[in-house]
């Protein structure tokens, strides 16, 4: 479970950095929502480490709130990136939901899970850098693919 929390704190730091970078661009609603998700994430991750009983369902709520908030923010404010963020965030959230569920039911994952997460996180960052480097043309191509189906 410690590796899960370490990965969650890494995402909290990434989220906090993005929050501070885009703070002026965000509406008041998204400022408050992002702050609430970040604070809730920090509290829940600490509670997981302390093995509090109430945290089992709070973690599910936190993951679903984070994905809903992130995707609604991108849909409203950064529409060019919405489809990319939607697909990536669904995959990451599903992965974390499975990982957390297996851990709370004492079906501890193999030690290789940490390696797989490292590969997954690296692939995610490479994908983001690729789309950032190639600009909106890749985003528009992906958007056209989704709109035609």
Protein backbone atom coordinates (compact mmCIF):
# COMPACT_ATOMS: atom_id res chain seq x y z
CA UNK A 1 0.00 0.00 0.00
CA UNK A 2 2.97 2.30 0.55
CA UNK A 3 3.80 2.30 -3.16
CA UNK A 4 0.18 3.19 -3.95
CA UNK A 5 0.40 6.19 -1.61
CA UNK A 6 3.75 7.24 -3.07
CA UNK A 7 2.24 7.24 -6.56
CA UNK A 8 -0.81 9.15 -5.30
CA UNK A 9 1.40 11.80 -3.70
CA UNK A 10 3.29 12.12 -6.99
CA UNK A 11 -0.03 12.82 -8.73
CA UNK A 12 -0.95 15.29 -5.98
CA UNK A 13 2.30 17.17 -6.58
CA UNK A 14 1.67 17.19 -10.35
CA UNK A 15 -1.90 18.39 -9.74
CA UNK A 16 -0.74 21.10 -7.34
CA UNK A 17 1.85 22.33 -9.85
CA UNK A 18 -0.76 22.47 -12.62
CA UNK A 19 -3.21 24.19 -10.26
CA UNK A 20 -0.72 26.91 -9.39
CA UNK A 21 0.38 27.34 -13.00
CA UNK A 22 -3.19 27.75 -14.31
CA UNK A 23 -4.63 29.49 -11.25
CA UNK A 24 -5.34 32.80 -13.01
CA UNK A 25 -7.09 31.07 -15.93
CA UNK A 26 -9.47 29.07 -13.73
CA UNK A 27 -12.94 30.20 -12.76
CA UNK A 28 -13.75 30.48 -9.06
CA UNK A 29 -15.66 27.19 -9.21
CA UNK A 30 -12.68 25.27 -10.59
CA UNK A 31 -10.29 27.00 -8.19
CA UNK A 32 -12.37 25.80 -5.26
CA UNK A 33 -12.93 22.35 -6.76
CA UNK A 34 -9.24 21.80 -7.50
CA UNK A 35 -8.25 23.00 -4.03
CA UNK A 36 -10.84 20.69 -2.45
CA UNK A 37 -9.67 17.68 -4.48
CA UNK A 38 -6.02 18.34 -3.66
CA UNK A 39 -6.68 18.78 0.07
CA UNK A 40 -9.03 15.79 0.18
CA UNK A 41 -6.42 13.71 -1.63
CA UNK A 42 -3.75 14.63 0.90
CA UNK A 43 -6.03 13.84 3.85
CA UNK A 44 -7.23 10.53 2.39
CA UNK A 45 -3.72 9.37 1.47
CA UNK A 46 -2.62 10.10 5.03
CA UNK A 47 -5.63 8.20 6.37
CA UNK A 48 -4.76 5.22 4.15
CA UNK A 49 -1.29 5.14 5.68
CA UNK A 50 -2.85 5.27 9.16
CA UNK A 51 -5.26 2.48 8.13
CA UNK A 52 -8.39 4.33 9.20
CA UNK A 53 -11.60 2.35 8.68
CA UNK A 54 -13.57 5.16 7.06
CA UNK A 55 -11.03 5.65 4.30
CA UNK A 56 -12.07 2.61 2.24
CA UNK A 57 -15.02 4.34 0.63
CA UNK A 58 -13.54 7.83 0.82
CA UNK A 59 -10.76 6.77 -1.59
CA UNK A 60 -13.32 5.63 -4.16
CA UNK A 61 -15.14 8.94 -3.80
CA UNK A 62 -11.86 10.88 -4.15
CA UNK A 63 -10.87 9.08 -7.35
CA UNK A 64 -14.29 9.60 -8.93
CA UNK A 65 -14.43 13.25 -7.85
CA UNK A 66 -10.95 13.87 -9.27
CA UNK A 67 -11.77 12.34 -12.65
CA UNK A 68 -15.11 14.15 -12.88
CA UNK A 69 -13.55 17.48 -11.92
CA UNK A 70 -10.58 17.09 -14.25
CA UNK A 71 -12.65 16.10 -17.25
CA UNK A 72 -15.25 18.81 -16.70
CA UNK A 73 -12.44 21.38 -16.42
CA UNK A 74 -10.93 20.24 -19.70
CA UNK A 75 -14.32 20.09 -21.40
CA UNK A 76 -15.13 23.67 -20.43
CA UNK A 77 -11.76 25.43 -20.36
CA UNK A 78 -9.29 23.43 -22.46
CA UNK A 79 -11.54 21.81 -25.05
CA UNK A 80 -8.73 21.05 -27.51
CA UNK A 81 -7.23 18.61 -25.01
CA UNK A 82 -10.49 17.13 -23.72
CA UNK A 83 -10.50 13.82 -25.63
CA UNK A 84 -6.89 13.07 -24.80
CA UNK A 85 -7.36 13.82 -21.11
CA UNK A 86 -10.63 11.87 -21.06
CA UNK A 87 -9.08 8.67 -22.38
CA UNK A 88 -5.93 8.91 -20.27
CA UNK A 89 -7.78 9.83 -17.07
CA UNK A 90 -10.27 6.97 -17.46
CA UNK A 91 -7.44 4.49 -17.90
CA UNK A 92 -5.48 5.82 -14.94
CA UNK A 93 -8.55 5.95 -12.68
CA UNK A 94 -9.58 2.41 -13.60
CA UNK A 95 -6.04 1.24 -12.88
CA UNK A 96 -6.01 2.93 -9.47
CA UNK A 97 -9.48 1.63 -8.60
CA UNK A 98 -8.41 -1.94 -9.31
CA UNK A 99 -5.10 -1.53 -7.52
CA UNK A 100 -6.72 -0.03 -4.41
CA UNK A 101 -9.52 -2.61 -4.36
CA UNK A 102 -7.08 -5.50 -4.55
CA UNK A 103 -5.02 -4.00 -1.74
CA UNK A 104 -7.90 -3.38 0.68
CA UNK A 105 -9.11 -6.94 0.22
CA UNK A 106 -5.69 -8.25 1.25
CA UNK A 107 -4.89 -9.50 -2.21
CA UNK A 108 -1.60 -7.69 -2.33
CA UNK A 109 -0.21 -7.18 -5.74
CA UNK A 110 3.09 -8.58 -6.73
CA UNK A 111 6.21 -6.52 -6.19
CA UNK A 112 6.41 -6.10 -9.94
CA UNK A 113 3.37 -3.81 -9.73
CA UNK A 114 5.71 -0.97 -8.79
CA UNK A 115 7.70 -1.56 -11.95
CA UNK A 116 4.53 -1.66 -14.04
CA UNK A 117 3.38 1.62 -12.53
CA UNK A 118 6.72 3.17 -13.36
CA UNK A 119 6.37 2.05 -16.97
CA UNK A 120 2.78 3.25 -17.10
CA UNK A 121 3.65 6.65 -15.63
CA UNK A 122 6.59 7.04 -17.98
CA UNK A 123 4.43 6.16 -20.99
CA UNK A 124 1.83 8.67 -19.81
CA UNK A 125 4.43 11.45 -19.56
CA UNK A 126 5.90 10.58 -22.96
CA UNK A 127 2.43 10.72 -24.48
CA UNK A 128 1.77 14.12 -22.94
CA UNK A 129 5.13 15.45 -24.15
CA UNK A 130 4.42 14.11 -27.65
CA UNK A 131 1.09 15.90 -27.83
CA UNK A 132 2.61 19.04 -26.37
CA UNK A 133 5.44 19.02 -28.92
CA UNK A 134 3.22 18.37 -31.93
CA UNK A 135 0.61 20.91 -30.88
CA UNK A 136 -3.06 20.89 -31.56
CA UNK A 137 -2.81 19.08 -34.91
CA UNK A 138 -2.60 15.72 -33.11
CA UNK A 139 -5.43 16.73 -30.82
CA UNK A 140 -7.61 17.70 -33.76
CA UNK A 141 -6.87 14.40 -35.49
CA UNK A 142 -7.88 12.48 -32.36
CA UNK A 143 -10.98 14.66 -32.00
CA UNK A 144 -11.98 13.90 -35.60
CA UNK A 145 -11.58 10.18 -34.98
CA UNK A 146 -13.93 10.35 -31.98
CA UNK A 147 -16.46 12.54 -33.80
CA UNK A 148 -16.72 10.17 -36.78
CA UNK A 149 -17.50 7.13 -34.63
